[in-house]
Every structure is written in structure tokens, then in C-alpha cells.
Amino acid sequence: MPFKRLNLVVVLLTGGVLVATALHHSAISAQKTSPHSPQEALRDRPVDSHAVKVGILQSLSGTMAISEVPLENAEMLAINQINASGGVNGAKIIPVEEDGASDPAIFAQKATKLIEQDKVVTVFGGWTSASRKAMLPVFQKYDNLLWYPVQFEGNECSPNVMYSGAQPNQQALPAFAWAKQRGFKRFYLIGSDYVYPRTANLILKKHIEHDGLTLSGEEYVPLGGSDFSSAIAKIAQSKPDIIINTLNGDSNVSFFKQLAAAGVTPDKLPIMSFSIAEPEVKAMGPSLLAGSYASWNYFQSLSSANNTAFIKAFQAKYGADASVDDPMVHGYVDVYEWKAAVEKAKSFDPEKVRAAAVKLSLTPSPLGRVKFADNQSMVQTGYIGRLQPDGQFTIIWHSTGTINPQPYDPLNFPGKTCNLQKHGSPLV
């Protein structure tokens, strides 16, 4: 798991929860000695079982529901389509849906429940980095596999997660490069106070300094916060060329409304967002955001037969005026990637599935050709869009070819590389 522009506000998302190492190692030990662990049951399950359970874990309530409910709808659409075409090697997919309630602790609890009680073979879900990091020790404990569909701050590489959302070098840094090309020299960073915005902005600040540009200011508000009077006063005083916005959830509504009330509109101050997409625009009202920018790896306005078919199917199920966005498409594609990997591995065992997933090249899809790199992150095409009054983005820039995922930014973390050793992945 967003919002956009203020003379170029770039919104970056991130969140974090620290993991208890002692609990992690004791969990691994218990897993190795228990003859009835949920994971062993999965390895014994034949691939052509009559039915198979998967978890769908998104925020259906709380501040992140504005973004995550549409994402769950996309994941469910993929499951329904696969079931209608015969399932996974003849097995019907039974989705077990849970509400993370925009609370990292609840995400961890629900992930445990899905694996321990419901015996799901994999889970699709999460938005904030805080939710992902809270769930990560659960997936490591049970050696299960999470499919995470939202752009994030990088600095993580786990064998128990398939990262289909963008790494910083696939979203934030292309947006920064575009801003420089436009001649912007003074950057104001605003975000929600959790891992993703702080780490994404840490990376951006290093690049701003390295390139001899100016950081005009930096401000964070609690996730779900609605008072931006202090930030707007600082923006007015510091006179940035562009705002980089990494606010998450419905905080964006308050931010853009208060900016407009202060006379700060996208035509006067560019705003670049990393977490505002088509469904958020619709919920907030396009007139509030028109003219602002967003950096993603998909826009609904992408022109292709496969994207048109996806949009048509989604709107047939969820309403003719329903919008789709980048995390939704990545969640949708994740389900199909899992299906293809299961069939390639001839197993529901998460370890075999992840090994198969990085060897696949999936087409067709709304994203075009889809491929995971060996580090279990997705290869992406970068796009920058400018929001129109009708709520759709006109694509004004795209990368020349695809961008390979880079979990660790070399300028900020020199020498740090991805380590997918079992139970030994680096957690930052």
C-alpha cells in the first residue's frame, strides 16, 4: 500500500514493526520438532485435492480500508475466474477472508489464525509496511508464503514473501529523476509516521543531497492523522518546488482539503504521490486532486487488450464506474502467479511454489509480461501520470524498458545485498 502533488508532492508509503528474534528462533525450533505442524500438512496435500484454502488478509475497516477494500475485490475476482475455469489443477480455491483492521498487531494475529486454524497454503494481502513486517515472523515461523502487492521502501528480502509491489528504484527514484529533469530543485517531504514513508524519504534525502539539491522540509503525521496546519505553514514558508507525498490512507483527504483551503493547489505547487491512485481519487473527488502527479507501475488508462479485458471483468462484478489501480492489479496478478507456480511445482508446498515462481514468465496480464526476479521481487515498468478532472491519469512518462528490482539502494546501503537463505533473510 496514497496521494499526490503540491508543486510536485511525491507520496511515499511505508510502515514497520520490529521482530522479536528470540521468538523467531524458538518458533523455528518448534516447527522442526513438531510432527503435526501446519506446514507439514501442506507438504502432504496432493496437488489435485478437491479443494484448497488460501488466505485473503486486507484492511476492511479503519484508515486503510479506502485502499484495501478495492484490493481485496481484485484478489477475489482472480480467485473466482480461476475457479470458473477449473481451479488449480482441478482443485477449487476456497478463500478465507480476514480483516486486518488497519492495525499491524491484528494483521499478525489474523495471519497466525489463517495458517494455524484454517490451514491455508498461502496468503494474499497487506498494504502498509507496518502490516507486512508484523506478519513476517508469522510466515517465517510456519514457513508459509505471503504475496505482498504494494510498493514499499525496500530494505527487506525474505524467502517467505513474494514482493510484487515496486521497490524504491522502480517508483520513488524514477519519480525523483523525472522531477530533476523538470528543473525542480527544492523538495518538501511529507508522509505518515511509519516505516515506509520514513525509509522512502531517507533514501530520497540521500539522493537530494548527493545531487546538490535542497531539502526544504520534512514532516510526518500519525497514520490516520488529520491535522496538517503545521505542515502547510512550513510549506508556505519554505517555498518548495515540489512536494513528495507519502501519506497513506484517508489522511490524504484532510491533507489535500487543507492545502486547497490555504490556496495551495496542484497548478501552483506540483505534488507527487506514491500512494494515491484511481480508487482514492474517486473517493476523495477528482476536483480536489486534478493536476497532481503520481508514480506507479500501472494506471487504469494503460492501453492494451489485456488491460481492457481486466477492467471490463472488474466493472462487471463491482460496478460500471468502479476504478482499478496499481496495487489492485498486482494483487490480481499475484493470484494467477501463485496458480501458475503451483502447477509448475506440482505442489502446494510454499517452498516449492516460490522456487517455481521465479522461473515463470506469465502472460497475458493487465501489466503485460510479468516476471519475478531471483530475489522474489517483480520486474516493473515505471510510469508517471498526471491526474485529469475525470479521475483518470494521463501517462506523461514511462521507463525505457523494464526496471529490475533492487531491494537495497546502493547510495544509502552500499554493499548490502539480498539474502534469501532460509530463516536468515535480513530484516531492517
Protein backbone atom coordinates (compact mmCIF):
# COMPACT_ATOMS: atom_id res chain seq x y z
CA MET A 1 0.00 0.00 0.00
CA PRO A 2 -1.65 7.30 -1.32
CA PHE A 3 -1.71 10.82 -2.66
CA LYS A 4 -0.11 13.37 -4.92
CA ARG A 5 1.18 16.81 -5.78
CA LEU A 6 1.89 20.24 -4.43
CA ASN A 7 4.38 21.75 -6.96
CA LEU A 8 5.29 18.17 -7.07
CA VAL A 9 4.45 16.28 -3.95
CA VAL A 10 5.57 12.76 -4.01
CA VAL A 11 3.74 10.40 -1.71
CA LEU A 12 5.65 7.53 -0.35
CA LEU A 13 4.28 4.83 1.88
CA THR A 14 5.93 2.73 4.50
CA GLY A 15 5.40 1.11 7.82
CA GLY A 16 7.25 -1.00 10.28
CA VAL A 17 7.09 -3.25 13.25
CA LEU A 18 10.19 -4.79 14.88
CA VAL A 19 10.53 -8.53 15.10
CA ALA A 20 11.48 -10.44 18.23
CA THR A 21 14.50 -12.58 17.39
CA ALA A 22 14.11 -14.95 20.33
CA LEU A 23 10.53 -15.73 19.40
CA HIS A 24 11.60 -16.25 15.82
CA HIS A 25 14.26 -18.84 16.65
CA SER A 26 12.09 -20.68 19.18
CA ALA A 27 9.32 -20.84 16.60
CA ILE A 28 11.69 -22.38 14.05
CA SER A 29 12.84 -24.93 16.61
CA ALA A 30 9.27 -25.86 17.48
CA GLN A 31 8.42 -26.19 13.81
CA LYS A 32 11.28 -28.59 13.19
CA THR A 33 10.32 -30.86 16.06
CA SER A 34 6.52 -30.86 15.70
CA PRO A 35 5.25 -33.77 13.55
CA HIS A 36 1.91 -32.02 13.07
CA SER A 37 2.93 -28.52 12.03
CA PRO A 38 0.61 -26.81 9.55
CA GLN A 39 3.42 -26.69 7.01
CA GLU A 40 3.99 -30.44 7.11
CA ALA A 41 0.31 -30.93 6.44
CA LEU A 42 0.64 -28.77 3.35
CA ARG A 43 3.53 -30.79 2.01
CA ASP A 44 1.45 -33.95 2.35
CA ARG A 45 -1.51 -32.47 0.44
CA PRO A 46 -1.80 -33.82 -3.13
CA VAL A 47 -1.83 -31.14 -5.81
CA ASP A 48 -5.16 -32.31 -7.23
CA SER A 49 -7.10 -32.23 -3.96
CA HIS A 50 -10.78 -31.42 -4.31
CA ALA A 51 -10.30 -28.00 -2.69
CA VAL A 52 -7.52 -25.82 -1.29
CA LYS A 53 -7.73 -22.90 1.13
CA VAL A 54 -5.92 -19.60 0.66
CA GLY A 55 -5.97 -16.55 2.93
CA ILE A 56 -7.10 -13.06 1.89
CA LEU A 57 -5.94 -10.58 4.54
CA GLN A 58 -6.70 -6.89 3.95
CA SER A 59 -7.98 -3.95 5.99
CA LEU A 60 -11.75 -3.93 5.58
CA SER A 61 -12.07 -1.31 8.31
CA GLY A 62 -10.01 1.58 9.67
CA THR A 63 -7.95 4.24 7.94
CA MET A 64 -6.58 1.90 5.23
CA ALA A 65 -9.95 0.48 4.14
CA ILE A 66 -10.23 3.20 1.47
CA SER A 67 -7.33 1.48 -0.33
CA GLU A 68 -7.53 -2.15 0.75
CA VAL A 69 -11.18 -2.97 0.11
CA PRO A 70 -10.74 -2.46 -3.66
CA LEU A 71 -7.54 -4.53 -3.48
CA GLU A 72 -9.40 -7.43 -1.87
CA ASN A 73 -12.05 -7.19 -4.58
CA ALA A 74 -9.37 -7.65 -7.24
CA GLU A 75 -7.89 -10.67 -5.46
CA MET A 76 -11.34 -12.21 -5.17
CA LEU A 77 -12.01 -11.58 -8.87
CA ALA A 78 -8.92 -13.61 -9.79
CA ILE A 79 -9.98 -16.46 -7.49
CA ASN A 80 -13.49 -16.52 -8.96
CA GLN A 81 -12.13 -16.54 -12.50
CA ILE A 82 -9.73 -19.37 -11.75
CA ASN A 83 -12.47 -21.42 -10.08
CA ALA A 84 -14.77 -20.83 -13.06
CA SER A 85 -12.08 -22.21 -15.37
CA GLY A 86 -11.46 -25.39 -13.35
CA GLY A 87 -9.42 -24.26 -10.35
CA VAL A 88 -5.79 -25.08 -9.67
CA ASN A 89 -5.05 -28.47 -11.21
CA GLY A 90 -8.68 -29.37 -10.60
CA ALA A 91 -8.76 -28.10 -7.00
CA LYS A 92 -11.30 -25.41 -6.17
CA ILE A 93 -9.81 -22.41 -4.36
CA ILE A 94 -11.59 -21.61 -1.09
CA PRO A 95 -10.71 -18.07 0.04
CA VAL A 96 -10.69 -17.42 3.79
CA GLU A 97 -11.11 -13.67 4.25
CA GLU A 98 -9.94 -11.76 7.33
CA ASP A 99 -9.91 -8.09 8.31
CA GLY A 100 -6.54 -6.62 9.34
CA ALA A 101 -8.45 -3.55 10.58
CA SER A 102 -5.57 -1.17 9.67
CA ASP A 103 -3.67 -2.47 12.73
CA PRO A 104 -0.31 -4.28 12.35
CA ALA A 105 -0.90 -6.36 15.51
CA ILE A 106 -4.24 -7.58 14.14
CA PHE A 107 -2.58 -8.47 10.84
CA ALA A 108 -0.14 -10.69 12.75
CA GLN A 109 -2.96 -12.29 14.75
CA LYS A 110 -5.07 -12.95 11.66
CA ALA A 111 -2.10 -14.36 9.73
CA THR A 112 -1.49 -16.81 12.58
CA LYS A 113 -5.16 -17.77 12.60
CA LEU A 114 -5.22 -18.34 8.84
CA ILE A 115 -2.20 -20.64 8.94
CA GLU A 116 -2.78 -22.44 12.25
CA GLN A 117 -6.55 -22.83 12.29
CA ASP A 118 -7.66 -22.50 8.69
CA LYS A 119 -4.65 -24.37 7.26
CA VAL A 120 -4.30 -22.05 4.27
CA VAL A 121 -1.50 -22.89 1.84
CA THR A 122 -0.65 -19.24 1.13
CA VAL A 123 -1.89 -15.72 1.91
CA PHE A 124 -2.52 -12.71 -0.32
CA GLY A 125 -2.57 -9.39 1.46
CA GLY A 126 -1.17 -6.49 3.41
CA TRP A 127 -0.70 -2.86 2.39
CA THR A 128 1.39 -0.84 4.81
CA SER A 129 4.93 -1.94 5.52
CA ALA A 130 3.95 -1.99 9.18
CA SER A 131 1.40 -4.70 8.42
CA ARG A 132 3.89 -6.67 6.34
CA LYS A 133 6.63 -6.51 8.96
CA ALA A 134 4.17 -7.55 11.65
CA MET A 135 3.17 -10.60 9.60
CA LEU A 136 6.67 -11.57 8.52
CA PRO A 137 7.71 -13.52 11.67
CA VAL A 138 4.44 -15.47 11.41
CA PHE A 139 5.23 -16.58 7.86
CA GLN A 140 8.79 -17.40 8.86
CA LYS A 141 7.60 -19.38 11.86
CA TYR A 142 5.33 -21.59 9.77
CA ASP A 143 7.41 -21.41 6.59
CA ASN A 144 4.37 -20.17 4.70
CA LEU A 145 4.28 -17.68 1.82
CA LEU A 146 2.83 -14.14 1.70
CA TRP A 147 2.07 -12.42 -1.63
CA TYR A 148 2.51 -8.69 -0.98
CA PRO A 149 1.15 -6.43 -3.77
CA VAL A 150 2.04 -2.86 -2.74
CA GLN A 151 5.01 -0.59 -3.39
CA PHE A 152 7.29 -0.26 -0.37
CA GLU A 153 10.59 1.02 0.95
CA GLY A 154 12.79 -1.99 0.14
CA ASN A 155 15.38 -2.93 2.79
CA GLU A 156 13.83 -6.37 3.15
CA CYS A 157 14.32 -9.65 1.35
CA SER A 158 12.64 -12.73 2.78
CA PRO A 159 12.09 -16.19 1.28
CA ASN A 160 8.62 -16.10 2.84
CA VAL A 161 7.38 -13.12 0.82
CA MET A 162 6.75 -12.60 -2.90
CA TYR A 163 7.10 -8.83 -3.39
CA SER A 164 5.07 -7.84 -6.43
CA GLY A 165 4.89 -4.14 -5.47
CA ALA A 166 7.60 -1.71 -6.52
CA GLN A 167 10.95 -1.33 -4.84
CA PRO A 168 12.22 2.30 -4.44
CA ASN A 169 14.26 2.10 -7.65
CA GLN A 170 11.07 1.22 -9.55
CA GLN A 171 8.78 4.01 -8.26
CA ALA A 172 10.26 6.64 -5.92
CA LEU A 173 13.62 7.13 -7.64
CA PRO A 174 12.17 7.31 -11.19
CA ALA A 175 9.79 10.00 -9.89
CA PHE A 176 12.73 11.86 -8.36
CA ALA A 177 14.68 11.63 -11.62
CA TRP A 178 11.67 12.98 -13.53
CA ALA A 179 11.36 15.90 -11.09
CA LYS A 180 15.01 16.78 -11.61
CA GLN A 181 14.52 16.70 -15.38
CA ARG A 182 11.68 19.20 -14.91
CA GLY A 183 14.09 21.53 -13.14
CA PHE A 184 12.78 21.14 -9.59
CA LYS A 185 15.50 21.84 -7.04
CA ARG A 186 13.68 22.28 -3.70
CA PHE A 187 11.86 19.24 -2.28
CA TYR A 188 9.41 19.06 0.63
CA LEU A 189 8.73 15.58 2.02
CA ILE A 190 5.53 14.73 3.90
CA GLY A 191 4.38 11.29 4.99
CA SER A 192 2.62 9.12 7.51
CA ASP A 193 4.73 8.29 10.56
CA TYR A 194 5.72 4.70 9.99
CA VAL A 195 8.36 2.63 8.25
CA TYR A 196 7.58 3.15 4.57
CA PRO A 197 7.41 6.97 4.44
CA ARG A 198 10.38 7.42 6.75
CA THR A 199 12.59 4.93 4.91
CA ALA A 200 11.50 6.05 1.44
CA ASN A 201 12.27 9.62 2.44
CA LEU A 202 15.59 8.58 3.95
CA ILE A 203 16.51 7.23 0.53
CA LEU A 204 15.25 10.34 -1.25
CA LYS A 205 17.09 12.68 1.12
CA LYS A 206 20.38 10.96 0.35
CA HIS A 207 19.77 11.40 -3.37
CA ILE A 208 18.71 15.03 -2.90
CA GLU A 209 21.95 15.73 -1.02
CA HIS A 210 24.07 13.70 -3.46
CA ASP A 211 22.71 15.67 -6.43
CA GLY A 212 23.29 19.06 -4.80
CA LEU A 213 19.58 19.84 -4.42
CA THR A 214 17.71 21.26 -1.41
CA LEU A 215 15.52 19.62 1.20
CA SER A 216 13.03 22.41 2.04
CA GLY A 217 11.37 20.48 4.85
CA GLU A 218 10.18 17.15 6.18
CA GLU A 219 7.04 16.38 8.18
CA TYR A 220 5.27 13.25 9.47
CA VAL A 221 1.81 12.73 10.96
CA PRO A 222 0.42 9.62 12.65
CA LEU A 223 -1.26 7.11 10.34
CA GLY A 224 -4.84 8.35 10.07
CA GLY A 225 -3.86 11.85 11.26
CA SER A 226 -5.94 14.77 10.00
CA ASP A 227 -4.25 17.98 11.24
CA PHE A 228 -1.86 19.44 8.66
CA SER A 229 -1.85 23.06 9.78
CA SER A 230 1.79 22.91 10.91
CA ALA A 231 2.97 21.22 7.71
CA ILE A 232 1.09 23.63 5.46
CA ALA A 233 2.54 26.62 7.32
CA LYS A 234 6.04 25.19 6.84
CA ILE A 235 5.39 24.55 3.16
CA ALA A 236 4.26 28.15 2.68
CA GLN A 237 7.37 29.42 4.46
CA SER A 238 9.93 27.14 2.78
CA LYS A 239 8.58 27.58 -0.77
CA PRO A 240 9.49 24.17 -2.25
CA ASP A 241 9.36 23.47 -5.98
CA ILE A 242 7.63 20.17 -5.40
CA ILE A 243 6.03 18.16 -2.62
CA ILE A 244 6.76 14.48 -2.31
CA ASN A 245 3.80 12.90 -0.55
CA THR A 246 3.99 9.57 1.21
CA LEU A 247 0.84 9.87 3.28
CA ASN A 248 -1.26 6.73 3.45
CA GLY A 249 -4.98 6.11 3.71
CA ASP A 250 -7.59 8.73 4.44
CA SER A 251 -5.03 11.23 5.81
CA ASN A 252 -4.73 12.28 2.19
CA VAL A 253 -8.28 13.58 2.20
CA SER A 254 -7.54 16.00 5.03
CA PHE A 255 -4.18 17.00 3.56
CA PHE A 256 -5.47 17.94 0.12
CA LYS A 257 -8.56 19.68 1.51
CA GLN A 258 -6.47 21.78 3.88
CA LEU A 259 -3.98 22.58 1.12
CA ALA A 260 -6.81 23.78 -1.10
CA ALA A 261 -8.24 25.88 1.74
CA ALA A 262 -4.82 27.52 2.09
CA GLY A 263 -4.76 28.28 -1.62
CA VAL A 264 -2.11 25.65 -2.40
CA THR A 265 -3.36 23.79 -5.46
CA PRO A 266 -1.54 21.43 -7.86
CA ASP A 267 -1.39 24.11 -10.58
CA LYS A 268 0.56 26.33 -8.18
CA LEU A 269 2.70 23.72 -6.43
CA PRO A 270 3.32 20.31 -8.02
CA ILE A 271 2.52 17.34 -5.77
CA MET A 272 3.84 13.86 -6.50
CA SER A 273 2.17 11.00 -4.66
CA PHE A 274 3.25 7.40 -4.31
CA SER A 275 0.10 6.05 -2.68
CA ILE A 276 -2.78 7.89 -4.32
CA ALA A 277 -4.33 6.03 -7.18
CA GLU A 278 -7.64 5.82 -9.04
CA PRO A 279 -9.87 4.45 -6.22
CA GLU A 280 -8.57 7.02 -3.72
CA VAL A 281 -9.10 9.78 -6.30
CA LYS A 282 -12.69 8.66 -6.79
CA ALA A 283 -13.32 8.53 -3.03
CA MET A 284 -11.78 11.97 -2.46
CA GLY A 285 -13.21 13.65 -5.55
CA PRO A 286 -11.10 14.27 -8.69
CA SER A 287 -11.58 18.04 -8.49
CA LEU A 288 -9.54 18.13 -5.28
CA LEU A 289 -6.55 16.40 -6.88
CA ALA A 290 -6.71 17.28 -10.58
CA GLY A 291 -3.32 18.30 -11.95
CA SER A 292 -1.32 16.43 -9.34
CA TYR A 293 1.09 13.64 -10.21
CA ALA A 294 1.54 10.02 -9.26
CA SER A 295 4.28 7.47 -9.81
CA TRP A 296 3.18 3.86 -10.29
CA ASN A 297 3.85 0.73 -12.34
CA TYR A 298 0.28 0.63 -13.68
CA PHE A 299 -2.52 3.05 -14.47
CA GLN A 300 -6.07 2.20 -15.47
CA SER A 301 -5.51 4.27 -18.60
CA LEU A 302 -2.87 1.86 -19.96
CA SER A 303 -3.88 0.86 -23.46
CA SER A 304 -3.81 -2.88 -24.12
CA ALA A 305 -6.32 -5.62 -24.89
CA ASN A 306 -5.43 -7.49 -21.69
CA ASN A 307 -5.92 -4.40 -19.52
CA THR A 308 -9.23 -3.62 -21.21
CA ALA A 309 -10.41 -7.18 -20.52
CA PHE A 310 -9.40 -6.92 -16.86
CA ILE A 311 -11.19 -3.60 -16.39
CA LYS A 312 -14.30 -4.95 -18.11
CA ALA A 313 -14.37 -8.03 -15.85
CA PHE A 314 -13.81 -5.98 -12.70
CA GLN A 315 -16.52 -3.48 -13.55
CA ALA A 316 -18.95 -6.25 -14.49
CA LYS A 317 -18.61 -7.59 -10.94
CA TYR A 318 -18.14 -4.43 -8.86
CA GLY A 319 -19.96 -1.72 -10.82
CA ALA A 320 -19.66 0.02 -14.17
CA ASP A 321 -17.97 3.03 -12.60
CA ALA A 322 -15.52 1.05 -10.42
CA SER A 323 -11.88 2.17 -10.67
CA VAL A 324 -8.80 -0.04 -10.69
CA ASP A 325 -5.24 0.79 -9.67
CA ASP A 326 -1.68 -0.50 -9.34
CA PRO A 327 -1.96 -2.47 -6.06
CA MET A 328 -5.25 -4.00 -7.23
CA VAL A 329 -3.70 -5.23 -10.48
CA HIS A 330 -0.66 -6.58 -8.64
CA GLY A 331 -2.95 -8.39 -6.18
CA TYR A 332 -4.94 -9.81 -9.09
CA VAL A 333 -1.79 -10.94 -10.89
CA ASP A 334 -0.37 -12.44 -7.67
CA VAL A 335 -3.22 -14.96 -7.55
CA TYR A 336 -2.54 -16.02 -11.13
CA GLU A 337 1.20 -16.19 -10.45
CA TRP A 338 0.55 -18.47 -7.47
CA LYS A 339 -1.68 -20.70 -9.62
CA ALA A 340 0.97 -20.96 -12.33
CA ALA A 341 3.71 -21.68 -9.78
CA VAL A 342 1.63 -24.40 -8.06
CA GLU A 343 1.05 -26.09 -11.40
CA LYS A 344 4.72 -25.79 -12.37
CA ALA A 345 5.85 -27.17 -8.98
CA LYS A 346 3.06 -29.77 -8.88
CA SER A 347 2.79 -28.93 -5.20
CA PHE A 348 1.16 -26.51 -2.76
CA ASP A 349 4.32 -26.56 -0.62
CA PRO A 350 5.27 -22.85 -0.29
CA GLU A 351 8.98 -23.58 -0.64
CA LYS A 352 8.44 -25.37 -3.95
CA VAL A 353 5.95 -22.73 -5.08
CA ARG A 354 8.35 -19.83 -4.51
CA ALA A 355 11.14 -21.70 -6.31
CA ALA A 356 8.83 -22.20 -9.27
CA ALA A 357 7.52 -18.62 -9.22
CA VAL A 358 10.91 -17.05 -10.01
CA LYS A 359 11.23 -19.26 -13.09
CA LEU A 360 7.93 -18.18 -14.61
CA SER A 361 7.12 -15.54 -17.19
CA LEU A 362 3.37 -15.01 -17.04
CA THR A 363 1.38 -13.61 -19.96
CA PRO A 364 -1.14 -12.31 -20.74
CA SER A 365 -1.91 -9.92 -17.88
CA PRO A 366 -3.06 -6.30 -17.44
CA LEU A 367 0.61 -5.49 -16.75
CA GLY A 368 1.82 -7.19 -19.89
CA ARG A 369 4.61 -9.71 -19.35
CA VAL A 370 5.02 -10.50 -15.64
CA LYS A 371 8.18 -11.91 -14.11
CA PHE A 372 9.68 -12.20 -10.64
CA ALA A 373 13.44 -11.81 -10.31
CA ASP A 374 15.51 -14.27 -8.30
CA ASN A 375 15.14 -12.01 -5.24
CA GLN A 376 11.36 -12.68 -5.32
CA SER A 377 10.55 -9.10 -6.31
CA MET A 378 8.74 -8.27 -9.55
CA VAL A 379 10.33 -6.72 -12.61
CA GLN A 380 8.39 -3.49 -13.34
CA THR A 381 7.81 -0.76 -15.90
CA GLY A 382 7.77 2.72 -14.38
CA TYR A 383 5.04 5.26 -15.23
CA ILE A 384 4.26 8.82 -14.14
CA GLY A 385 0.73 10.10 -14.60
CA ARG A 386 -0.97 13.48 -14.34
CA LEU A 387 -4.48 13.39 -12.92
CA GLN A 388 -7.30 14.61 -15.13
CA PRO A 389 -10.66 16.05 -13.99
CA ASP A 390 -12.38 12.74 -14.87
CA GLY A 391 -10.32 10.90 -12.24
CA GLN A 392 -8.01 9.12 -14.68
CA PHE A 393 -4.28 9.63 -15.13
CA THR A 394 -2.71 10.65 -18.42
CA ILE A 395 0.64 8.88 -18.66
CA ILE A 396 3.26 11.54 -19.30
CA TRP A 397 6.41 9.44 -18.83
CA HIS A 398 7.45 5.79 -18.85
CA SER A 399 10.72 3.99 -18.32
CA THR A 400 12.71 2.80 -21.29
CA GLY A 401 12.11 -0.89 -20.82
CA THR A 402 11.57 -2.73 -17.57
CA ILE A 403 13.34 -1.99 -14.28
CA ASN A 404 14.88 -4.86 -12.32
CA PRO A 405 14.06 -4.76 -8.59
CA GLN A 406 16.78 -3.51 -6.26
CA PRO A 407 15.83 -4.10 -2.60
CA TYR A 408 18.80 -2.12 -1.25
CA ASP A 409 19.60 1.32 -2.66
CA PRO A 410 23.40 1.39 -3.27
CA LEU A 411 23.74 5.06 -2.35
CA ASN A 412 22.11 4.55 1.05
CA PHE A 413 23.16 0.98 1.78
CA PRO A 414 26.43 0.30 -0.07
CA GLY A 415 27.37 -3.36 -0.23
CA LYS A 416 24.03 -4.60 1.13
CA THR A 417 22.56 -7.40 -0.96
CA CYS A 418 19.55 -9.66 -0.92
CA ASN A 419 19.98 -12.83 1.12
CA LEU A 420 17.27 -15.45 0.67
CA GLN A 421 18.87 -18.04 2.92
CA LYS A 422 16.10 -19.87 4.79
CA HIS A 423 15.27 -18.12 8.07
CA GLY A 424 18.27 -15.89 7.51
CA SER A 425 16.84 -13.01 5.49
CA PRO A 426 17.91 -9.54 6.59
CA LEU A 427 15.22 -7.51 8.34
CA VAL A 428 15.75 -3.76 8.59
